């Protein structure tokens, strides 16, 4: 059995928010990237012990 962590929605809190995305409306800007990193860390923090 593989132990794989699932991040339900990587862009939670960022996707669809124009203040957190670059002008293309797809990629996070610096502020959005920080939120994405926190979303990932919420899942990985227990694995990285």
Protein backbone atom coordinates (compact mmCIF):
# COMPACT_ATOMS: atom_id res chain seq x y z
CA UNK A 1 0.00 0.00 0.00
CA UNK A 2 1.33 3.43 -0.91
CA UNK A 3 1.02 6.26 1.54
CA UNK A 4 0.08 9.24 -0.59
CA UNK A 5 -1.04 12.58 0.76
CA UNK A 6 -3.97 14.22 -0.98
CA UNK A 7 -4.28 17.98 -1.23
CA UNK A 8 -8.00 18.35 -1.99
CA UNK A 9 -7.74 21.73 -3.75
CA UNK A 10 -4.29 23.26 -4.12
CA UNK A 11 -5.65 26.72 -4.92
CA UNK A 12 -8.08 26.88 -1.98
CA UNK A 13 -8.55 30.54 -1.05
CA UNK A 14 -6.60 31.69 -4.13
CA UNK A 15 -8.39 30.40 -7.21
CA UNK A 16 -10.86 32.91 -8.57
CA UNK A 17 -9.57 35.75 -6.40
CA UNK A 18 -8.15 38.43 -8.73
CA UNK A 19 -6.20 40.02 -5.86
CA UNK A 20 -4.19 36.81 -5.42
CA UNK A 21 -3.58 35.98 -9.08
CA UNK A 22 -1.42 37.37 -11.84
CA UNK A 23 -3.03 39.24 -14.72
CA UNK A 24 -3.54 35.98 -16.63
CA UNK A 25 -6.08 35.00 -13.95
CA UNK A 26 -4.56 31.53 -13.68
CA UNK A 27 -1.26 31.75 -11.82
CA UNK A 28 -0.94 32.97 -8.23
CA UNK A 29 0.99 36.15 -7.54
CA UNK A 30 3.42 36.38 -4.59
CA UNK A 31 0.63 36.74 -2.03
CA UNK A 32 -1.33 33.88 -3.59
CA UNK A 33 1.77 31.66 -3.67
CA UNK A 34 2.13 32.07 0.09
CA UNK A 35 -1.41 30.78 0.57
CA UNK A 36 -0.76 27.87 -1.79
CA UNK A 37 2.37 27.02 0.22
CA UNK A 38 0.31 27.05 3.43
CA UNK A 39 -2.28 24.76 1.80
CA UNK A 40 0.48 22.30 0.98
CA UNK A 41 2.09 22.60 4.39
CA UNK A 42 -1.21 21.80 6.16
CA UNK A 43 -1.05 18.37 4.53
CA UNK A 44 2.69 17.72 4.63
CA UNK A 45 3.53 18.96 8.13
CA UNK A 46 2.53 15.68 9.75
CA UNK A 47 4.36 13.63 7.13
CA UNK A 48 7.61 15.59 7.47
CA UNK A 49 8.17 14.76 11.13
